[in-house]
């Protein structure tokens, strides 16, 4: 079920990008309508791609992003010699 939601989110993120390509092809990007439509479509695509990112992160597929270097163990401080 979750895999279907992931694929659906990917599909719904790509459809607005096709709309932006159409706006560019028809050369209406420089009009006010084209600019606002592009912003709206980019926002929709960004929201769905963010959902895809969170879903992939929750599944643990992005574990390579969380590599942390382990620091060498520190020696305990030595006691000062009295004298």
N, C-alpha and C. Protein backbone atom coordinates (compact mmCIF):
# COMPACT_ATOMS: atom_id res chain seq x y z
N UNK A 1 0.83 -1.20 0.00
CA UNK A 1 0.00 0.00 0.00
C UNK A 1 0.87 1.26 0.00
N UNK A 2 1.94 1.23 0.80
CA UNK A 2 2.79 2.42 0.86
C UNK A 2 3.59 2.60 -0.42
N UNK A 3 3.92 1.50 -1.07
CA UNK A 3 4.63 1.61 -2.35
C UNK A 3 3.74 2.26 -3.40
N UNK A 4 2.46 1.98 -3.35
CA UNK A 4 1.52 2.59 -4.28
C UNK A 4 1.44 4.10 -4.03
N UNK A 5 1.44 4.49 -2.77
CA UNK A 5 1.42 5.93 -2.45
C UNK A 5 2.71 6.61 -2.92
N UNK A 6 3.83 5.91 -2.80
CA UNK A 6 5.09 6.47 -3.26
C UNK A 6 5.07 6.67 -4.77
N UNK A 7 4.61 5.66 -5.51
CA UNK A 7 4.53 5.78 -6.96
C UNK A 7 3.52 6.84 -7.40
N UNK A 8 2.42 6.93 -6.69
CA UNK A 8 1.42 7.95 -7.00
C UNK A 8 1.97 9.35 -6.75
N UNK A 9 2.72 9.51 -5.68
CA UNK A 9 3.33 10.82 -5.41
C UNK A 9 4.35 11.19 -6.47
N UNK A 10 5.12 10.20 -6.93
CA UNK A 10 6.08 10.48 -8.01
C UNK A 10 5.35 10.90 -9.28
N UNK A 11 4.27 10.20 -9.60
CA UNK A 11 3.49 10.54 -10.79
C UNK A 11 2.89 11.94 -10.66
N UNK A 12 2.33 12.24 -9.50
CA UNK A 12 1.72 13.56 -9.31
C UNK A 12 2.75 14.67 -9.20
N UNK A 13 4.01 14.33 -8.96
CA UNK A 13 5.07 15.34 -8.98
C UNK A 13 5.55 15.60 -10.40
N UNK A 14 5.43 14.61 -11.28
CA UNK A 14 5.91 14.78 -12.65
C UNK A 14 4.89 15.46 -13.56
N UNK A 15 3.62 15.29 -13.28
CA UNK A 15 2.58 15.89 -14.13
C UNK A 15 2.69 17.42 -14.19
N UNK A 16 2.86 18.12 -13.05
CA UNK A 16 3.03 19.58 -13.17
C UNK A 16 4.27 19.99 -13.95
N UNK A 17 5.32 19.18 -13.92
CA UNK A 17 6.51 19.51 -14.70
C UNK A 17 6.24 19.43 -16.19
N UNK A 18 5.34 18.52 -16.59
CA UNK A 18 4.92 18.45 -17.99
C UNK A 18 4.15 19.72 -18.35
N UNK A 19 3.36 20.22 -17.41
CA UNK A 19 2.63 21.47 -17.63
C UNK A 19 3.57 22.65 -17.82
N UNK A 20 4.65 22.68 -17.06
CA UNK A 20 5.63 23.75 -17.20
C UNK A 20 6.34 23.63 -18.55
N UNK A 21 6.63 22.40 -18.96
CA UNK A 21 7.23 22.21 -20.29
C UNK A 21 6.29 22.72 -21.37
N UNK A 22 5.00 22.48 -21.20
CA UNK A 22 4.03 22.96 -22.19
C UNK A 22 4.01 24.49 -22.22
N UNK A 23 4.10 25.12 -21.08
CA UNK A 23 4.12 26.58 -21.02
C UNK A 23 5.37 27.12 -21.72
N UNK A 24 6.49 26.44 -21.54
CA UNK A 24 7.73 26.88 -22.20
C UNK A 24 7.64 26.66 -23.71
N UNK A 25 7.08 25.53 -24.13
CA UNK A 25 6.98 25.23 -25.56
C UNK A 25 6.08 26.24 -26.27
N UNK A 26 4.97 26.61 -25.64
CA UNK A 26 4.05 27.56 -26.27
C UNK A 26 4.52 29.01 -26.11
N UNK A 27 5.66 29.20 -25.47
CA UNK A 27 6.27 30.52 -25.30
C UNK A 27 5.37 31.51 -24.57
N UNK A 28 4.62 31.03 -23.62
CA UNK A 28 3.79 31.94 -22.82
C UNK A 28 4.38 32.12 -21.42
N UNK A 29 5.64 31.75 -21.26
CA UNK A 29 6.29 31.87 -19.95
C UNK A 29 6.48 33.32 -19.54
N UNK A 30 6.62 34.21 -20.51
CA UNK A 30 6.89 35.61 -20.19
C UNK A 30 5.62 36.40 -19.87
N UNK A 31 4.47 35.80 -20.08
CA UNK A 31 3.24 36.51 -19.72
C UNK A 31 2.98 36.32 -18.22
N UNK A 32 2.15 37.18 -17.69
CA UNK A 32 1.82 37.10 -16.26
C UNK A 32 1.12 35.78 -15.95
N UNK A 33 0.21 35.37 -16.81
CA UNK A 33 -0.48 34.10 -16.60
C UNK A 33 0.50 32.92 -16.61
N UNK A 34 1.44 32.95 -17.54
CA UNK A 34 2.41 31.87 -17.62
C UNK A 34 3.33 31.83 -16.41
N UNK A 35 3.72 33.01 -15.92
CA UNK A 35 4.57 33.05 -14.73
C UNK A 35 3.86 32.50 -13.51
N UNK A 36 2.63 32.94 -13.29
CA UNK A 36 1.90 32.48 -12.11
C UNK A 36 1.53 31.00 -12.22
N UNK A 37 1.19 30.56 -13.41
CA UNK A 37 0.89 29.14 -13.59
C UNK A 37 2.14 28.30 -13.34
N UNK A 38 3.29 28.79 -13.80
CA UNK A 38 4.54 28.07 -13.55
C UNK A 38 4.85 28.00 -12.06
N UNK A 39 4.64 29.09 -11.34
CA UNK A 39 4.86 29.07 -9.89
C UNK A 39 3.93 28.10 -9.18
N UNK A 40 2.68 28.08 -9.59
CA UNK A 40 1.71 27.17 -8.98
C UNK A 40 2.09 25.72 -9.26
N UNK A 41 2.46 25.43 -10.51
CA UNK A 41 2.83 24.07 -10.87
C UNK A 41 4.13 23.63 -10.19
N UNK A 42 5.09 24.54 -10.05
CA UNK A 42 6.32 24.21 -9.33
C UNK A 42 6.04 23.94 -7.85
N UNK A 43 5.11 24.68 -7.27
CA UNK A 43 4.74 24.46 -5.87
C UNK A 43 4.09 23.09 -5.70
N UNK A 44 3.18 22.75 -6.58
CA UNK A 44 2.54 21.42 -6.50
C UNK A 44 3.57 20.31 -6.65
N UNK A 45 4.45 20.46 -7.61
CA UNK A 45 5.47 19.45 -7.84
C UNK A 45 6.41 19.35 -6.63
N UNK A 46 6.77 20.46 -6.06
CA UNK A 46 7.64 20.48 -4.89
C UNK A 46 7.02 19.80 -3.69
N UNK A 47 5.73 20.01 -3.49
CA UNK A 47 5.04 19.38 -2.36
C UNK A 47 5.03 17.87 -2.52
N UNK A 48 4.73 17.40 -3.70
CA UNK A 48 4.72 15.95 -3.91
C UNK A 48 6.12 15.36 -3.85
N UNK A 49 7.13 16.07 -4.34
CA UNK A 49 8.50 15.57 -4.24
C UNK A 49 8.98 15.56 -2.79
N UNK A 50 8.52 16.51 -1.99
CA UNK A 50 8.84 16.50 -0.57
C UNK A 50 8.21 15.30 0.11
N UNK A 51 6.98 14.96 -0.29
CA UNK A 51 6.33 13.76 0.22
C UNK A 51 7.11 12.51 -0.16
N UNK A 52 7.61 12.46 -1.39
CA UNK A 52 8.43 11.33 -1.84
C UNK A 52 9.70 11.25 -0.99
N UNK A 53 10.34 12.37 -0.76
CA UNK A 53 11.56 12.39 0.04
C UNK A 53 11.30 11.88 1.44
N UNK A 54 10.24 12.35 2.09
CA UNK A 54 9.94 11.89 3.45
C UNK A 54 9.61 10.41 3.49
N UNK A 55 8.91 9.92 2.48
CA UNK A 55 8.57 8.50 2.43
C UNK A 55 9.82 7.65 2.24
N UNK A 56 10.71 8.07 1.36
CA UNK A 56 11.96 7.33 1.14
C UNK A 56 12.83 7.38 2.41
N UNK A 57 12.84 8.52 3.06
CA UNK A 57 13.61 8.65 4.30
C UNK A 57 13.05 7.76 5.40
N UNK A 58 11.73 7.67 5.48
CA UNK A 58 11.10 6.83 6.50
C UNK A 58 11.37 5.35 6.25
N UNK A 59 11.53 4.95 5.01
CA UNK A 59 11.83 3.56 4.67
C UNK A 59 13.30 3.21 4.91
N UNK A 60 14.13 4.22 5.14
CA UNK A 60 15.54 3.98 5.40
C UNK A 60 16.38 3.83 4.16
N UNK A 61 15.88 4.24 3.01
CA UNK A 61 16.62 4.12 1.76
C UNK A 61 17.69 5.20 1.63
N UNK A 62 17.66 6.19 2.51
CA UNK A 62 18.65 7.26 2.45
C UNK A 62 19.62 7.17 3.62
N UNK A 63 19.93 5.98 4.06
CA UNK A 63 20.82 5.80 5.22
C UNK A 63 22.23 6.30 4.92
N UNK A 64 22.63 6.31 3.66
CA UNK A 64 23.98 6.77 3.32
C UNK A 64 24.16 8.25 3.59
N UNK A 65 23.08 9.00 3.75
CA UNK A 65 23.19 10.43 4.05
C UNK A 65 23.55 10.68 5.51
N UNK A 66 23.39 9.68 6.36
CA UNK A 66 23.58 9.86 7.79
C UNK A 66 24.87 9.23 8.29
N UNK A 67 25.87 9.13 7.43
CA UNK A 67 27.15 8.58 7.87
C UNK A 67 27.80 9.57 8.81
N UNK A 68 28.18 9.07 9.97
CA UNK A 68 28.88 9.91 10.94
C UNK A 68 30.23 9.26 11.22
N UNK A 69 31.22 10.09 11.35
CA UNK A 69 32.54 9.59 11.66
C UNK A 69 32.60 9.32 13.16
N UNK A 70 33.10 8.15 13.50
CA UNK A 70 33.24 7.82 14.91
C UNK A 70 34.58 8.35 15.38
N UNK A 71 34.54 9.11 16.43
CA UNK A 71 35.76 9.68 16.98
C UNK A 71 36.48 8.61 17.79
N UNK A 72 37.80 8.64 17.77
CA UNK A 72 38.53 7.67 18.59
C UNK A 72 38.26 7.92 20.07
N UNK A 73 38.27 6.83 20.83
CA UNK A 73 37.98 6.96 22.27
C UNK A 73 39.07 7.79 22.94
N UNK A 74 38.63 8.71 23.75
CA UNK A 74 39.58 9.57 24.45
C UNK A 74 40.08 8.86 25.70
N UNK A 75 41.35 9.08 26.00
CA UNK A 75 41.90 8.51 27.22
C UNK A 75 41.44 9.36 28.39
N UNK A 76 41.16 8.71 29.52
CA UNK A 76 40.76 9.52 30.69
C UNK A 76 41.94 10.39 31.13
N UNK A 77 41.65 11.55 31.69
CA UNK A 77 42.75 12.42 32.13
C UNK A 77 43.56 11.74 33.23
N UNK A 78 44.85 11.94 33.17
CA UNK A 78 45.74 11.35 34.15
C UNK A 78 45.73 12.18 35.43
N UNK A 79 45.87 11.46 36.52
CA UNK A 79 45.91 12.16 37.81
C UNK A 79 47.25 12.86 37.95
N UNK A 80 47.19 14.06 38.51
CA UNK A 80 48.43 14.81 38.72
C UNK A 80 49.21 14.22 39.89
N UNK A 81 50.47 14.20 39.71
CA UNK A 81 51.32 13.67 40.79
C UNK A 81 51.42 14.72 41.89
N UNK A 82 51.21 14.29 43.10
CA UNK A 82 51.32 15.20 44.25
C UNK A 82 52.79 15.45 44.53
N UNK A 83 53.13 16.64 44.74
CA UNK A 83 54.51 16.81 45.10
C UNK A 83 55.09 18.06 44.70
